[in-house]
C-alpha atoms as a PDB file:
ATOM      1  CA  MET A   1       0.074-115.161 -19.555  1.00  0.00           C
ATOM      2  CA  LYS A   2      -1.295-112.048 -17.811  1.00  0.00           C
ATOM      3  CA  PRO A   3       0.727-108.811 -17.624  1.00  0.00           C
ATOM      4  CA  ILE A   4       0.900-107.074 -14.242  1.00  0.00           C
ATOM      5  CA  PHE A   5       0.970-103.450 -13.071  1.00  0.00           C
ATOM      6  CA  ASP A   6       1.496-101.025 -15.979  1.00  0.00           C
ATOM      7  CA  LYS A   7       2.572-103.618 -18.557  1.00  0.00           C
ATOM      8  CA  VAL A   8       0.872-104.187 -21.925  1.00  0.00           C
ATOM      9  CA  LEU A   9       1.280-107.365 -23.986  1.00  0.00           C
ATOM     10  CA  VAL A  10       1.218-106.505 -27.700  1.00  0.00           C
ATOM     11  CA  GLN A  11       1.269-108.901 -30.654  1.00  0.00           C
ATOM     12  CA  LEU A  12       3.473-107.511 -33.414  1.00  0.00           C
ATOM     13  CA  THR A  13       1.820-106.823 -36.769  1.00  0.00           C
ATOM     14  CA  GLU A  14       3.069-105.883 -40.198  1.00  0.00           C
ATOM     15  CA  ARG A  15       2.876-102.191 -41.013  1.00  0.00           C
ATOM     16  CA  GLU A  16      -0.171-101.379 -43.116  1.00  0.00           C
ATOM     17  CA  LYS A  17       0.611 -99.146 -46.067  1.00  0.00           C
ATOM     18  CA  ASN A  18      -1.821 -96.662 -47.588  1.00  0.00           C
ATOM     19  CA  LYS A  19      -4.566 -97.493 -45.047  1.00  0.00           C
ATOM     20  CA  SER A  20      -4.521 -94.108 -43.353  1.00  0.00           C
ATOM     21  CA  LEU A  21      -3.661 -90.534 -44.121  1.00  0.00           C
ATOM     22  CA  ILE A  22      -0.393 -90.796 -42.209  1.00  0.00           C
ATOM     23  CA  TYR A  23       2.180 -93.375 -43.268  1.00  0.00           C
ATOM     24  CA  ILE A  24       5.173 -93.956 -41.054  1.00  0.00           C
ATOM     25  CA  PRO A  25       7.840 -96.088 -42.757  1.00  0.00           C
ATOM     26  CA  GLU A  26       9.389 -99.011 -40.855  1.00  0.00           C
ATOM     27  CA  GLU A  27      12.835 -97.421 -41.075  1.00  0.00           C
ATOM     28  CA  ASP A  28      11.734 -94.610 -38.779  1.00  0.00           C
ATOM     29  CA  GLY A  29      12.139 -96.854 -35.753  1.00  0.00           C
ATOM     30  CA  TYR A  30       8.470 -97.505 -34.978  1.00  0.00           C
ATOM     31  CA  LYS A  31       6.555-100.774 -34.791  1.00  0.00           C
ATOM     32  CA  THR A  32       2.850-101.532 -34.689  1.00  0.00           C
ATOM     33  CA  GLY A  33       0.893-104.154 -32.856  1.00  0.00           C
ATOM     34  CA  VAL A  34      -2.404-105.185 -31.343  1.00  0.00           C
ATOM     35  CA  VAL A  35      -3.082-105.211 -27.595  1.00  0.00           C
ATOM     36  CA  VAL A  36      -3.529-108.783 -26.356  1.00  0.00           C
ATOM     37  CA  ASP A  37      -3.788-108.089 -22.614  1.00  0.00           C
ATOM     38  CA  PHE A  38      -2.745-105.510 -20.021  1.00  0.00           C
ATOM     39  CA  GLY A  39      -2.113-105.088 -16.317  1.00  0.00           C
ATOM     40  CA  SER A  40      -4.511-103.432 -13.884  1.00  0.00           C
ATOM     41  CA  TYR A  41      -2.574-100.135 -13.882  1.00  0.00           C
ATOM     42  CA  ALA A  42      -2.061 -99.846 -17.659  1.00  0.00           C
ATOM     43  CA  GLY A  43      -3.883 -96.955 -19.260  1.00  0.00           C
ATOM     44  CA  TYR A  44      -3.504 -93.588 -20.902  1.00  0.00           C
ATOM     45  CA  VAL A  45      -4.945 -90.068 -20.770  1.00  0.00           C
ATOM     46  CA  ARG A  46      -6.751 -88.571 -23.747  1.00  0.00           C
ATOM     47  CA  ASP A  47      -8.865 -85.400 -23.670  1.00  0.00           C
ATOM     48  CA  ASN A  48      -8.171 -85.088 -19.917  1.00  0.00           C
ATOM     49  CA  LYS A  49      -9.812 -88.484 -19.243  1.00  0.00           C
ATOM     50  CA  TYR A  50      -8.187 -91.746 -18.163  1.00  0.00           C
ATOM     51  CA  HIS A  51      -8.762 -94.721 -20.477  1.00  0.00           C
ATOM     52  CA  ASP A  52      -7.874 -98.397 -20.099  1.00  0.00           C
ATOM     53  CA  PHE A  53      -6.359-100.147 -23.074  1.00  0.00           C
ATOM     54  CA  GLU A  54      -8.718-102.439 -24.961  1.00  0.00           C
ATOM     55  CA  LYS A  55      -7.955-105.906 -26.292  1.00  0.00           C
ATOM     56  CA  GLY A  56      -7.600-105.681 -30.056  1.00  0.00           C
ATOM     57  CA  GLN A  57      -6.638-101.983 -29.976  1.00  0.00           C
ATOM     58  CA  LYS A  58      -3.917-101.031 -32.484  1.00  0.00           C
ATOM     59  CA  VAL A  59      -0.866 -99.273 -31.037  1.00  0.00           C
ATOM     60  CA  LEU A  60       2.343 -97.629 -32.288  1.00  0.00           C
ATOM     61  CA  PHE A  61       5.571 -97.730 -30.269  1.00  0.00           C
ATOM     62  CA  ALA A  62       9.332 -97.226 -30.664  1.00  0.00           C
ATOM     63  CA  ALA A  63      11.203-100.206 -32.104  1.00  0.00           C
ATOM     64  CA  GLY A  64      13.560-100.454 -29.119  1.00  0.00           C
ATOM     65  CA  ALA A  65      10.822-100.323 -26.481  1.00  0.00           C
ATOM     66  CA  GLY A  66       9.896-103.273 -24.292  1.00  0.00           C
ATOM     67  CA  ARG A  67      11.009-106.878 -24.493  1.00  0.00           C
ATOM     68  CA  GLU A  68      10.273-109.111 -27.445  1.00  0.00           C
ATOM     69  CA  ILE A  69       8.833-112.501 -26.528  1.00  0.00           C
ATOM     70  CA  ASP A  70       8.128-115.556 -28.687  1.00  0.00           C
ATOM     71  CA  ILE A  71       5.089-117.554 -27.558  1.00  0.00           C
ATOM     72  CA  SER A  72       4.107-120.582 -29.646  1.00  0.00           C
ATOM     73  CA  GLY A  73       5.826-119.118 -32.703  1.00  0.00           C
ATOM     74  CA  LYS A  74       4.066-115.749 -32.481  1.00  0.00           C
ATOM     75  CA  LYS A  75       5.995-112.534 -31.773  1.00  0.00           C
ATOM     76  CA  TYR A  76       4.917-110.335 -28.885  1.00  0.00           C
ATOM     77  CA  VAL A  77       6.335-107.319 -27.088  1.00  0.00           C
ATOM     78  CA  LEU A  78       5.861-106.646 -23.379  1.00  0.00           C
ATOM     79  CA  LEU A  79       5.748-102.864 -22.976  1.00  0.00           C
ATOM     80  CA  LYS A  80       5.229-100.316 -20.247  1.00  0.00           C
ATOM     81  CA  ALA A  81       2.051 -98.369 -20.931  1.00  0.00           C
ATOM     82  CA  THR A  82       4.140 -95.187 -21.209  1.00  0.00           C
ATOM     83  CA  ASP A  83       6.180 -96.731 -24.067  1.00  0.00           C
ATOM     84  CA  ILE A  84       3.117 -96.682 -26.322  1.00  0.00           C
ATOM     85  CA  ASP A  85       3.099 -93.512 -28.399  1.00  0.00           C
ATOM     86  CA  CYS A  86      -0.224 -93.765 -30.285  1.00  0.00           C
ATOM     87  CA  VAL A  87      -3.500 -95.685 -30.029  1.00  0.00           C
ATOM     88  CA  GLU A  88      -6.213 -96.135 -32.597  1.00  0.00           C
END
């Protein structure tokens, strides 16, 4: 399955606790995941430069964003690139 345009396919992950300086509890309405694939127009701007997403990149996004999909028993979310709030 290949996302198109500005879509990003993210596999949901469990929130890691105490792994970074900033901990955002699950109740705050955010979820984390790992980028599986992305469309040809999916990217973001950081330091005034355009970047493509990378497979395996960790992302943070609002819990209500995108559409949850179950593929072979694994949970994914199909998001617009603009729905992703943070990248690692």
